Amino acid sequence: MKLSYDNQRQHIYDSKITGKRLSGQTVLFLGTGAIATRTAKLAKAFNMNLIGLSKSGQNKDEFDEVYTIESLESTLPNADIVINALPETQETIHLLKKKHFELMKDEALFINIGRGSIVKEALLIEVLKSRVIRHAYLDVFENEPLKPNHELYELDNVTITAHITGNDYEAKYDLLDIFKNNLVNFLNNNSLIENEVDAKKGY
């Protein structure tokens, strides 16, 4: 998509561009919460192999396999796409080290829709500059907003969005529905609260 966009800006018509089909590729999700499970449902429609890693390792219907986060190093080499959807906790800050990216396939894609603190920004830049992986799609960053002169903007193997994954026009109505339902349940002493934060877990 990026190459096609660049070609369009330069008035280049190139019909020899090739890509990889989604069917049959393996997606590794770091986290199996609401964002990950919703994304997994969409990915399943493309007949992709879905692996989830979570703190508990509890099975979920949306994933073909689920393991504990301790299986990170053993599952990374099998993934074509790695999607981080983990929240920020003491356990997840800088969880991904250089060795983890080196375990990924050369053609692997890294997508971060969780929290930018999952990896040190300087390390991520080093990994991308060295082309340890093929491309990174980043919606979140260790320090936001990115400064105009940030080095990530200069790399040709990264796609940047400004923490806008949930910024669709309909989102505000979804939030209002959740708030109304939670308020009604709270006033009626009903414990069914959607998106309730667990203070012990930190999310």
N, C-alpha and C. Protein backbone atom coordinates (compact mmCIF):
# COMPACT_ATOMS: atom_id res chain seq x y z
N MET A 1 0.83 -1.20 0.00
CA MET A 1 0.00 0.00 0.00
C MET A 1 0.87 1.25 0.00
N LYS A 2 1.92 1.22 0.81
CA LYS A 2 2.79 2.41 0.87
C LYS A 2 3.46 2.66 -0.48
N LEU A 3 3.94 1.58 -1.12
CA LEU A 3 4.59 1.74 -2.42
C LEU A 3 3.61 2.28 -3.45
N SER A 4 2.39 1.77 -3.43
CA SER A 4 1.37 2.26 -4.36
C SER A 4 1.06 3.73 -4.12
N TYR A 5 1.00 4.10 -2.84
CA TYR A 5 0.75 5.51 -2.51
C TYR A 5 1.90 6.39 -3.00
N ASP A 6 3.13 5.93 -2.74
CA ASP A 6 4.30 6.71 -3.19
C ASP A 6 4.31 6.84 -4.71
N ASN A 7 3.96 5.75 -5.40
CA ASN A 7 3.91 5.79 -6.86
C ASN A 7 2.86 6.77 -7.35
N GLN A 8 1.72 6.79 -6.67
CA GLN A 8 0.66 7.73 -7.06
C GLN A 8 1.13 9.17 -6.94
N ARG A 9 1.84 9.47 -5.86
CA ARG A 9 2.33 10.84 -5.66
C ARG A 9 3.34 11.23 -6.74
N GLN A 10 4.03 10.23 -7.28
CA GLN A 10 5.04 10.50 -8.30
C GLN A 10 4.53 10.23 -9.72
N HIS A 11 3.21 9.96 -9.84
CA HIS A 11 2.58 9.70 -11.13
C HIS A 11 3.19 8.48 -11.82
N ILE A 12 3.45 7.44 -11.04
CA ILE A 12 4.02 6.20 -11.58
C ILE A 12 2.96 5.11 -11.57
N TYR A 13 2.76 4.47 -12.72
CA TYR A 13 1.80 3.36 -12.84
C TYR A 13 2.60 2.07 -12.98
N ASP A 14 2.66 1.28 -11.89
CA ASP A 14 3.47 0.06 -11.88
C ASP A 14 2.58 -1.14 -11.59
N SER A 15 2.30 -1.93 -12.61
CA SER A 15 1.42 -3.10 -12.44
C SER A 15 2.19 -4.36 -12.05
N LYS A 16 3.47 -4.23 -11.80
CA LYS A 16 4.30 -5.39 -11.44
C LYS A 16 4.46 -5.54 -9.93
N ILE A 17 3.83 -4.67 -9.16
CA ILE A 17 3.91 -4.76 -7.70
C ILE A 17 3.24 -6.04 -7.22
N THR A 18 3.90 -6.76 -6.35
CA THR A 18 3.33 -7.99 -5.78
C THR A 18 3.20 -7.84 -4.27
N GLY A 19 2.37 -8.69 -3.69
CA GLY A 19 2.17 -8.67 -2.24
C GLY A 19 2.01 -10.08 -1.71
N LYS A 20 1.71 -10.20 -0.43
CA LYS A 20 1.50 -11.50 0.20
C LYS A 20 0.04 -11.61 0.61
N ARG A 21 -0.54 -12.77 0.33
CA ARG A 21 -1.93 -12.98 0.74
C ARG A 21 -2.01 -13.20 2.26
N LEU A 22 -3.13 -12.81 2.84
CA LEU A 22 -3.32 -12.97 4.27
C LEU A 22 -3.64 -14.42 4.64
N SER A 23 -4.35 -15.12 3.78
CA SER A 23 -4.74 -16.50 4.05
C SER A 23 -3.53 -17.37 4.35
N GLY A 24 -3.60 -18.08 5.46
CA GLY A 24 -2.53 -19.00 5.82
C GLY A 24 -1.42 -18.39 6.64
N GLN A 25 -1.39 -17.08 6.76
CA GLN A 25 -0.35 -16.45 7.56
C GLN A 25 -0.68 -16.57 9.05
N THR A 26 0.36 -16.54 9.85
CA THR A 26 0.20 -16.68 11.30
C THR A 26 0.33 -15.32 11.98
N VAL A 27 -0.67 -15.01 12.80
CA VAL A 27 -0.68 -13.76 13.55
C VAL A 27 -0.48 -14.09 15.03
N LEU A 28 0.49 -13.45 15.64
CA LEU A 28 0.73 -13.62 17.08
C LEU A 28 0.25 -12.37 17.80
N PHE A 29 -0.73 -12.53 18.67
CA PHE A 29 -1.27 -11.42 19.44
C PHE A 29 -0.64 -11.41 20.83
N LEU A 30 -0.04 -10.29 21.20
CA LEU A 30 0.42 -10.10 22.57
C LEU A 30 -0.74 -9.46 23.32
N GLY A 31 -1.43 -10.26 24.10
CA GLY A 31 -2.66 -9.81 24.75
C GLY A 31 -3.86 -10.45 24.08
N THR A 32 -4.84 -10.83 24.88
CA THR A 32 -6.07 -11.44 24.34
C THR A 32 -7.31 -10.73 24.89
N GLY A 33 -7.17 -9.44 25.16
CA GLY A 33 -8.29 -8.65 25.68
C GLY A 33 -9.25 -8.24 24.58
N ALA A 34 -10.05 -7.22 24.87
CA ALA A 34 -11.13 -6.80 23.97
C ALA A 34 -10.62 -6.40 22.59
N ILE A 35 -9.53 -5.62 22.55
CA ILE A 35 -8.99 -5.17 21.26
C ILE A 35 -8.47 -6.35 20.46
N ALA A 36 -7.73 -7.23 21.12
CA ALA A 36 -7.14 -8.37 20.43
C ALA A 36 -8.21 -9.34 19.93
N THR A 37 -9.22 -9.62 20.75
CA THR A 37 -10.24 -10.57 20.33
C THR A 37 -11.08 -10.03 19.18
N ARG A 38 -11.36 -8.74 19.19
CA ARG A 38 -12.10 -8.14 18.08
C ARG A 38 -11.28 -8.20 16.79
N THR A 39 -10.00 -7.91 16.90
CA THR A 39 -9.11 -7.97 15.74
C THR A 39 -8.98 -9.41 15.24
N ALA A 40 -8.91 -10.35 16.17
CA ALA A 40 -8.79 -11.76 15.81
C ALA A 40 -10.02 -12.24 15.03
N LYS A 41 -11.19 -11.78 15.42
CA LYS A 41 -12.42 -12.14 14.69
C LYS A 41 -12.34 -11.70 13.24
N LEU A 42 -11.84 -10.50 13.02
CA LEU A 42 -11.71 -9.99 11.66
C LEU A 42 -10.65 -10.78 10.89
N ALA A 43 -9.54 -11.10 11.55
CA ALA A 43 -8.47 -11.85 10.89
C ALA A 43 -8.91 -13.26 10.53
N LYS A 44 -9.79 -13.84 11.35
CA LYS A 44 -10.26 -15.20 11.10
C LYS A 44 -11.01 -15.29 9.78
N ALA A 45 -11.65 -14.20 9.38
CA ALA A 45 -12.39 -14.19 8.11
C ALA A 45 -11.45 -14.38 6.92
N PHE A 46 -10.16 -14.08 7.12
CA PHE A 46 -9.17 -14.25 6.05
C PHE A 46 -8.44 -15.59 6.17
N ASN A 47 -8.96 -16.47 7.04
CA ASN A 47 -8.39 -17.81 7.21
C ASN A 47 -6.93 -17.75 7.67
N MET A 48 -6.67 -16.88 8.63
CA MET A 48 -5.33 -16.75 9.19
C MET A 48 -5.21 -17.62 10.44
N ASN A 49 -3.99 -18.01 10.76
CA ASN A 49 -3.73 -18.79 11.98
C ASN A 49 -3.48 -17.82 13.13
N LEU A 50 -4.25 -17.95 14.19
CA LEU A 50 -4.24 -16.95 15.25
C LEU A 50 -3.73 -17.54 16.57
N ILE A 51 -2.65 -16.97 17.07
CA ILE A 51 -2.07 -17.38 18.35
C ILE A 51 -2.15 -16.20 19.31
N GLY A 52 -2.60 -16.46 20.52
CA GLY A 52 -2.70 -15.41 21.53
C GLY A 52 -1.81 -15.71 22.72
N LEU A 53 -1.21 -14.66 23.26
CA LEU A 53 -0.43 -14.78 24.50
C LEU A 53 -1.05 -13.88 25.55
N SER A 54 -1.24 -14.41 26.73
CA SER A 54 -1.83 -13.61 27.81
C SER A 54 -1.20 -14.02 29.13
N LYS A 55 -1.52 -13.29 30.16
CA LYS A 55 -0.98 -13.59 31.48
C LYS A 55 -1.46 -14.95 31.98
N SER A 56 -2.74 -15.24 31.72
CA SER A 56 -3.33 -16.48 32.23
C SER A 56 -3.16 -17.66 31.28
N GLY A 57 -3.06 -17.37 29.97
CA GLY A 57 -3.00 -18.44 28.98
C GLY A 57 -4.33 -19.14 28.78
N GLN A 58 -5.40 -18.51 29.26
CA GLN A 58 -6.74 -19.11 29.16
C GLN A 58 -7.22 -19.13 27.71
N ASN A 59 -7.77 -20.27 27.28
CA ASN A 59 -8.26 -20.40 25.92
C ASN A 59 -9.41 -19.45 25.63
N LYS A 60 -9.45 -18.96 24.39
CA LYS A 60 -10.54 -18.11 23.93
C LYS A 60 -10.93 -18.56 22.53
N ASP A 61 -12.23 -18.54 22.25
CA ASP A 61 -12.73 -19.07 20.98
C ASP A 61 -12.15 -18.35 19.77
N GLU A 62 -11.81 -17.08 19.92
CA GLU A 62 -11.33 -16.30 18.78
C GLU A 62 -9.95 -16.72 18.29
N PHE A 63 -9.21 -17.45 19.13
CA PHE A 63 -7.84 -17.83 18.81
C PHE A 63 -7.73 -19.33 18.60
N ASP A 64 -6.85 -19.73 17.69
CA ASP A 64 -6.60 -21.16 17.48
C ASP A 64 -5.80 -21.74 18.63
N GLU A 65 -4.90 -20.95 19.18
CA GLU A 65 -4.07 -21.38 20.30
C GLU A 65 -3.85 -20.20 21.23
N VAL A 66 -3.81 -20.47 22.53
CA VAL A 66 -3.49 -19.43 23.52
C VAL A 66 -2.49 -20.00 24.51
N TYR A 67 -1.44 -19.22 24.77
CA TYR A 67 -0.40 -19.62 25.72
C TYR A 67 -0.16 -18.47 26.69
N THR A 68 0.59 -18.75 27.73
CA THR A 68 0.98 -17.68 28.65
C THR A 68 2.08 -16.84 28.00
N ILE A 69 2.28 -15.66 28.53
CA ILE A 69 3.27 -14.74 27.97
C ILE A 69 4.69 -15.32 28.06
N GLU A 70 4.86 -16.33 28.92
CA GLU A 70 6.17 -16.98 29.02
C GLU A 70 6.55 -17.72 27.74
N SER A 71 5.58 -17.95 26.86
CA SER A 71 5.84 -18.63 25.59
C SER A 71 6.22 -17.67 24.48
N LEU A 72 6.50 -16.42 24.83
CA LEU A 72 6.81 -15.40 23.82
C LEU A 72 7.95 -15.82 22.90
N GLU A 73 9.06 -16.25 23.48
CA GLU A 73 10.23 -16.57 22.66
C GLU A 73 10.01 -17.79 21.77
N SER A 74 9.21 -18.73 22.21
CA SER A 74 8.99 -19.94 21.41
C SER A 74 7.96 -19.73 20.30
N THR A 75 7.11 -18.71 20.43
CA THR A 75 6.07 -18.48 19.42
C THR A 75 6.46 -17.42 18.39
N LEU A 76 7.36 -16.53 18.73
CA LEU A 76 7.75 -15.45 17.81
C LEU A 76 8.28 -15.96 16.46
N PRO A 77 9.11 -17.01 16.42
CA PRO A 77 9.65 -17.44 15.13
C PRO A 77 8.59 -17.94 14.14
N ASN A 78 7.41 -18.29 14.64
CA ASN A 78 6.35 -18.81 13.77
C ASN A 78 5.46 -17.72 13.20
N ALA A 79 5.60 -16.50 13.69
CA ALA A 79 4.65 -15.44 13.35
C ALA A 79 5.07 -14.66 12.11
N ASP A 80 4.09 -14.44 11.23
CA ASP A 80 4.28 -13.54 10.08
C ASP A 80 3.95 -12.11 10.48
N ILE A 81 3.01 -11.98 11.40
CA ILE A 81 2.57 -10.68 11.90
C ILE A 81 2.51 -10.74 13.42
N VAL A 82 3.11 -9.77 14.09
CA VAL A 82 3.07 -9.69 15.55
C VAL A 82 2.30 -8.43 15.92
N ILE A 83 1.21 -8.61 16.67
CA ILE A 83 0.37 -7.47 17.06
C ILE A 83 0.42 -7.31 18.57
N ASN A 84 0.90 -6.16 19.03
CA ASN A 84 0.88 -5.88 20.46
C ASN A 84 -0.42 -5.18 20.82
N ALA A 85 -1.18 -5.81 21.72
CA ALA A 85 -2.41 -5.21 22.23
C ALA A 85 -2.42 -5.26 23.76
N LEU A 86 -1.24 -5.29 24.35
CA LEU A 86 -1.13 -5.35 25.81
C LEU A 86 -1.30 -3.97 26.43
N PRO A 87 -1.87 -3.92 27.64
CA PRO A 87 -1.94 -2.65 28.37
C PRO A 87 -0.57 -2.35 28.98
N GLU A 88 -0.42 -1.16 29.53
CA GLU A 88 0.84 -0.81 30.20
C GLU A 88 0.75 -1.18 31.67
N THR A 89 1.61 -2.10 32.07
CA THR A 89 1.75 -2.46 33.48
C THR A 89 3.25 -2.58 33.77
N GLN A 90 3.59 -2.81 35.01
CA GLN A 90 5.01 -2.99 35.36
C GLN A 90 5.61 -4.18 34.61
N GLU A 91 4.78 -5.19 34.33
CA GLU A 91 5.27 -6.38 33.65
C GLU A 91 5.46 -6.17 32.15
N THR A 92 4.75 -5.22 31.56
CA THR A 92 4.81 -5.06 30.10
C THR A 92 5.72 -3.93 29.63
N ILE A 93 6.12 -3.04 30.53
CA ILE A 93 7.01 -1.94 30.12
C ILE A 93 8.35 -2.51 29.63
N HIS A 94 8.70 -2.19 28.39
CA HIS A 94 9.94 -2.66 27.76
C HIS A 94 10.04 -4.18 27.75
N LEU A 95 8.88 -4.83 27.60
CA LEU A 95 8.85 -6.29 27.53
C LEU A 95 9.64 -6.82 26.33
N LEU A 96 9.50 -6.14 25.19
CA LEU A 96 10.17 -6.59 23.98
C LEU A 96 11.61 -6.08 23.94
N LYS A 97 12.54 -7.01 23.86
CA LYS A 97 13.97 -6.69 23.77
C LYS A 97 14.45 -6.94 22.34
N LYS A 98 15.71 -6.61 22.11
CA LYS A 98 16.28 -6.83 20.78
C LYS A 98 16.21 -8.31 20.38
N LYS A 99 16.44 -9.19 21.35
CA LYS A 99 16.43 -10.63 21.05
C LYS A 99 15.08 -11.09 20.53
N HIS A 100 14.00 -10.42 20.97
CA HIS A 100 12.67 -10.81 20.52
C HIS A 100 12.47 -10.46 19.05
N PHE A 101 12.94 -9.30 18.64
CA PHE A 101 12.83 -8.92 17.23
C PHE A 101 13.73 -9.81 16.37
N GLU A 102 14.86 -10.21 16.91
CA GLU A 102 15.76 -11.09 16.16
C GLU A 102 15.18 -12.49 16.01
N LEU A 103 14.26 -12.86 16.88
CA LEU A 103 13.58 -14.16 16.76
C LEU A 103 12.49 -14.14 15.69
N MET A 104 12.03 -12.95 15.32
CA MET A 104 10.99 -12.83 14.30
C MET A 104 11.55 -13.12 12.92
N LYS A 105 10.67 -13.47 12.00
CA LYS A 105 11.06 -13.67 10.62
C LYS A 105 11.57 -12.37 10.01
N ASP A 106 12.46 -12.49 9.02
CA ASP A 106 12.97 -11.29 8.34
C ASP A 106 11.84 -10.48 7.71
N GLU A 107 10.79 -11.19 7.26
CA GLU A 107 9.68 -10.54 6.58
C GLU A 107 8.53 -10.21 7.53
N ALA A 108 8.75 -10.36 8.82
CA ALA A 108 7.68 -10.14 9.80
C ALA A 108 7.24 -8.68 9.85
N LEU A 109 5.97 -8.50 10.17
CA LEU A 109 5.40 -7.17 10.38
C LEU A 109 5.10 -7.03 11.87
N PHE A 110 5.44 -5.88 12.44
CA PHE A 110 5.14 -5.59 13.84
C PHE A 110 4.11 -4.47 13.89
N ILE A 111 2.99 -4.74 14.54
CA ILE A 111 1.91 -3.76 14.66
C ILE A 111 1.70 -3.46 16.14
N ASN A 112 1.74 -2.18 16.50
CA ASN A 112 1.55 -1.81 17.91
C ASN A 112 0.30 -0.95 18.05
N ILE A 113 -0.74 -1.57 18.64
CA ILE A 113 -1.99 -0.86 18.93
C ILE A 113 -2.28 -0.91 20.43
N GLY A 114 -1.28 -1.35 21.21
CA GLY A 114 -1.44 -1.44 22.66
C GLY A 114 -0.90 -0.20 23.33
N ARG A 115 0.34 -0.28 23.79
CA ARG A 115 1.00 0.86 24.41
C ARG A 115 2.44 0.95 23.89
N GLY A 116 2.89 2.18 23.68
CA GLY A 116 4.22 2.39 23.13
C GLY A 116 5.33 1.91 24.04
N SER A 117 5.05 1.81 25.33
CA SER A 117 6.08 1.43 26.30
C SER A 117 6.47 -0.05 26.22
N ILE A 118 5.85 -0.81 25.33
CA ILE A 118 6.18 -2.23 25.19
C ILE A 118 7.62 -2.41 24.74
N VAL A 119 8.18 -1.39 24.06
CA VAL A 119 9.55 -1.47 23.57
C VAL A 119 10.19 -0.09 23.66
N LYS A 120 11.46 -0.05 24.01
CA LYS A 120 12.17 1.23 24.02
C LYS A 120 12.22 1.79 22.61
N GLU A 121 11.88 3.06 22.47
CA GLU A 121 11.82 3.67 21.14
C GLU A 121 13.16 3.63 20.42
N ALA A 122 14.23 3.85 21.15
CA ALA A 122 15.56 3.82 20.55
C ALA A 122 15.88 2.43 20.00
N LEU A 123 15.46 1.41 20.72
CA LEU A 123 15.68 0.04 20.27
C LEU A 123 14.86 -0.25 19.01
N LEU A 124 13.62 0.19 19.00
CA LEU A 124 12.77 -0.03 17.83
C LEU A 124 13.36 0.64 16.59
N ILE A 125 13.87 1.84 16.76
CA ILE A 125 14.51 2.55 15.64
C ILE A 125 15.73 1.76 15.16
N GLU A 126 16.51 1.25 16.09
CA GLU A 126 17.69 0.44 15.73
C GLU A 126 17.28 -0.80 14.93
N VAL A 127 16.23 -1.47 15.39
CA VAL A 127 15.73 -2.67 14.72
C VAL A 127 15.27 -2.36 13.30
N LEU A 128 14.56 -1.25 13.15
CA LEU A 128 14.05 -0.88 11.83
C LEU A 128 15.17 -0.42 10.90
N LYS A 129 16.11 0.32 11.43
CA LYS A 129 17.25 0.77 10.62
C LYS A 129 18.06 -0.43 10.12
N SER A 130 18.21 -1.43 10.98
CA SER A 130 18.98 -2.62 10.62
C SER A 130 18.15 -3.60 9.79
N ARG A 131 16.87 -3.31 9.61
CA ARG A 131 15.95 -4.14 8.84
C ARG A 131 15.92 -5.58 9.37
N VAL A 132 15.89 -5.67 10.70
CA VAL A 132 15.74 -6.96 11.35
C VAL A 132 14.38 -7.56 11.01
N ILE A 133 13.37 -6.69 10.89
CA ILE A 133 12.04 -7.09 10.43
C ILE A 133 11.68 -6.24 9.21
N ARG A 134 10.61 -6.63 8.55
CA ARG A 134 10.26 -5.95 7.30
C ARG A 134 9.68 -4.56 7.51
N HIS A 135 8.70 -4.44 8.44
CA HIS A 135 7.97 -3.17 8.56
C HIS A 135 7.30 -3.10 9.92
N ALA A 136 7.10 -1.90 10.40
CA ALA A 136 6.35 -1.67 11.65
C ALA A 136 5.22 -0.70 11.38
N TYR A 137 4.05 -1.01 11.93
CA TYR A 137 2.89 -0.13 11.87
C TYR A 137 2.61 0.32 13.30
N LEU A 138 2.78 1.59 13.56
CA LEU A 138 2.74 2.10 14.93
C LEU A 138 1.62 3.12 15.10
N ASP A 139 0.72 2.83 16.05
CA ASP A 139 -0.33 3.79 16.40
C ASP A 139 -0.07 4.39 17.77
N VAL A 140 0.86 3.80 18.51
CA VAL A 140 1.18 4.28 19.87
C VAL A 140 2.69 4.38 20.01
N PHE A 141 3.12 5.26 20.93
CA PHE A 141 4.54 5.56 21.06
C PHE A 141 4.90 5.74 22.52
N GLU A 142 6.18 5.56 22.81
CA GLU A 142 6.64 5.67 24.19
C GLU A 142 6.42 7.08 24.73
N ASN A 143 6.63 8.08 23.88
CA ASN A 143 6.37 9.48 24.26
C ASN A 143 5.49 10.11 23.19
N GLU A 144 4.31 10.54 23.60
CA GLU A 144 3.36 11.15 22.66
C GLU A 144 3.07 12.59 23.08
N PRO A 145 2.85 13.49 22.10
CA PRO A 145 2.92 13.24 20.65
C PRO A 145 4.36 13.20 20.17
N LEU A 146 4.56 12.60 18.98
CA LEU A 146 5.90 12.60 18.39
C LEU A 146 6.27 14.02 17.98
N LYS A 147 7.51 14.38 18.23
CA LYS A 147 7.98 15.70 17.79
C LYS A 147 8.17 15.70 16.28
N PRO A 148 7.99 16.85 15.63
CA PRO A 148 8.11 16.92 14.17
C PRO A 148 9.43 16.40 13.62
N ASN A 149 10.49 16.50 14.43
CA ASN A 149 11.81 16.06 13.96
C ASN A 149 12.16 14.65 14.45
N HIS A 150 11.16 13.88 14.88
CA HIS A 150 11.42 12.54 15.40
C HIS A 150 12.00 11.65 14.31
N GLU A 151 12.94 10.82 14.71
CA GLU A 151 13.67 9.98 13.76
C GLU A 151 12.77 8.95 13.07
N LEU A 152 11.70 8.54 13.72
CA LEU A 152 10.80 7.56 13.11
C LEU A 152 10.22 8.06 11.80
N TYR A 153 10.00 9.36 11.70
CA TYR A 153 9.44 9.93 10.48
C TYR A 153 10.36 9.74 9.27
N GLU A 154 11.64 9.55 9.52
CA GLU A 154 12.62 9.46 8.44
C GLU A 154 12.78 8.05 7.89
N LEU A 155 12.21 7.06 8.56
CA LEU A 155 12.39 5.67 8.15
C LEU A 155 11.37 5.27 7.09
N ASP A 156 11.81 4.47 6.12
CA ASP A 156 10.91 4.07 5.04
C ASP A 156 10.21 2.75 5.31
N ASN A 157 10.51 2.11 6.44
CA ASN A 157 9.87 0.83 6.76
C ASN A 157 9.01 0.92 8.02
N VAL A 158 8.41 2.08 8.20
CA VAL A 158 7.48 2.29 9.31
C VAL A 158 6.29 3.11 8.82
N THR A 159 5.11 2.74 9.28
CA THR A 159 3.89 3.50 9.00
C THR A 159 3.36 4.04 10.32
N ILE A 160 3.15 5.34 10.39
CA ILE A 160 2.79 6.01 11.63
C ILE A 160 1.36 6.55 11.58
N THR A 161 0.59 6.24 12.61
CA THR A 161 -0.69 6.91 12.82
C THR A 161 -0.67 7.49 14.24
N ALA A 162 -1.40 8.55 14.46
CA ALA A 162 -1.27 9.34 15.69
C ALA A 162 -2.24 8.92 16.78
N HIS A 163 -2.12 7.64 17.24
CA HIS A 163 -2.97 7.11 18.30
C HIS A 163 -4.45 7.33 17.96
N ILE A 164 -4.84 6.90 16.76
CA ILE A 164 -6.19 7.17 16.25
C ILE A 164 -6.98 5.90 15.98
N THR A 165 -6.51 4.76 16.48
CA THR A 165 -7.17 3.49 16.18
C THR A 165 -8.66 3.52 16.51
N GLY A 166 -9.03 4.20 17.59
CA GLY A 166 -10.44 4.25 17.98
C GLY A 166 -11.15 5.52 17.61
N ASN A 167 -10.56 6.31 16.72
CA ASN A 167 -11.13 7.62 16.39
C ASN A 167 -12.10 7.58 15.21
N ASP A 168 -13.03 6.64 15.21
CA ASP A 168 -14.03 6.66 14.15
C ASP A 168 -15.23 7.49 14.60
N TYR A 169 -16.04 7.89 13.65
CA TYR A 169 -17.17 8.77 13.95
C TYR A 169 -18.18 8.11 14.88
N GLU A 170 -18.29 6.78 14.79
CA GLU A 170 -19.29 6.08 15.58
C GLU A 170 -18.85 5.80 17.01
N ALA A 171 -17.57 5.97 17.31
CA ALA A 171 -17.02 5.59 18.62
C ALA A 171 -17.71 6.33 19.76
N LYS A 172 -18.03 7.61 19.55
CA LYS A 172 -18.65 8.38 20.64
C LYS A 172 -20.01 7.81 21.03
N TYR A 173 -20.72 7.26 20.04
CA TYR A 173 -22.02 6.66 20.34
C TYR A 173 -21.84 5.34 21.10
N ASP A 174 -20.81 4.59 20.74
CA ASP A 174 -20.51 3.37 21.48
C ASP A 174 -20.18 3.68 22.93
N LEU A 175 -19.38 4.73 23.14
CA LEU A 175 -19.00 5.13 24.51
C LEU A 175 -20.22 5.57 25.31
N LEU A 176 -21.12 6.31 24.66
CA LEU A 176 -22.34 6.74 25.35
C LEU A 176 -23.20 5.56 25.75
N ASP A 177 -23.31 4.56 24.87
CA ASP A 177 -24.09 3.36 25.18
C ASP A 177 -23.50 2.62 26.37
N ILE A 178 -22.17 2.49 26.38
CA ILE A 178 -21.51 1.82 27.50
C ILE A 178 -21.74 2.59 28.80
N PHE A 179 -21.60 3.92 28.73
CA PHE A 179 -21.81 4.75 29.92
C PHE A 179 -23.24 4.62 30.44
N LYS A 180 -24.22 4.69 29.54
CA LYS A 180 -25.62 4.60 29.96
C LYS A 180 -25.91 3.25 30.61
N ASN A 181 -25.44 2.17 29.99
CA ASN A 181 -25.68 0.83 30.54
C ASN A 181 -24.99 0.67 31.89
N ASN A 182 -23.77 1.17 31.99
CA ASN A 182 -23.04 1.07 33.27
C ASN A 182 -23.72 1.90 34.36
N LEU A 183 -24.22 3.08 33.99
CA LEU A 183 -24.89 3.93 34.97
C LEU A 183 -26.16 3.27 35.48
N VAL A 184 -26.94 2.71 34.58
CA VAL A 184 -28.18 2.02 34.97
C VAL A 184 -27.86 0.84 35.89
N ASN A 185 -26.85 0.05 35.52
CA ASN A 185 -26.47 -1.10 36.34
C ASN A 185 -25.95 -0.66 37.71
N PHE A 186 -25.19 0.43 37.74
CA PHE A 186 -24.65 0.93 39.00
C PHE A 186 -25.77 1.41 39.92
N LEU A 187 -26.72 2.16 39.37
CA LEU A 187 -27.82 2.69 40.17
C LEU A 187 -28.74 1.58 40.67
N ASN A 188 -28.73 0.45 39.96
CA ASN A 188 -29.57 -0.68 40.37
C ASN A 188 -28.77 -1.75 41.11
N ASN A 189 -27.59 -1.35 41.57
CA ASN A 189 -26.71 -2.26 42.32
C ASN A 189 -26.41 -3.54 41.55
N ASN A 190 -26.32 -3.40 40.23
CA ASN A 190 -25.99 -4.53 39.37
C ASN A 190 -24.48 -4.54 39.14
N SER A 191 -23.86 -5.68 39.31
CA SER A 191 -22.40 -5.76 39.19
C SER A 191 -21.92 -5.88 37.75
N LEU A 192 -22.83 -5.92 36.78
CA LEU A 192 -22.44 -6.06 35.38
C LEU A 192 -21.97 -4.72 34.83
N ILE A 193 -20.71 -4.41 35.05
CA ILE A 193 -20.11 -3.16 34.59
C ILE A 193 -19.15 -3.46 33.45
N GLU A 194 -19.40 -2.88 32.29
CA GLU A 194 -18.55 -3.12 31.13
C GLU A 194 -17.29 -2.26 31.22
N ASN A 195 -16.16 -2.85 30.82
CA ASN A 195 -14.85 -2.17 30.83
C ASN A 195 -14.43 -1.73 32.23
N GLU A 196 -14.80 -2.52 33.22
CA GLU A 196 -14.41 -2.20 34.60
C GLU A 196 -12.91 -2.42 34.80
N VAL A 197 -12.27 -1.47 35.44
CA VAL A 197 -10.82 -1.54 35.68
C VAL A 197 -10.54 -2.35 36.94
N ASP A 198 -9.59 -3.26 36.83
CA ASP A 198 -9.13 -4.03 37.98
C ASP A 198 -7.89 -3.33 38.53
N ALA A 199 -8.02 -2.71 39.69
CA ALA A 199 -6.92 -1.91 40.25
C ALA A 199 -5.68 -2.76 40.52
N LYS A 200 -5.88 -4.02 40.86
CA LYS A 200 -4.73 -4.89 41.14
C LYS A 200 -3.96 -5.22 39.86
N LYS A 201 -4.70 -5.44 38.78
CA LYS A 201 -4.05 -5.75 37.50
C LYS A 201 -3.46 -4.51 36.84
N GLY A 202 -4.11 -3.36 37.09
CA GLY A 202 -3.64 -2.11 36.48
C GLY A 202 -4.30 -1.80 35.16
N TYR A 203 -5.37 -2.52 34.81
CA TYR A 203 -6.10 -2.26 33.57
C TYR A 203 -7.51 -2.82 33.66
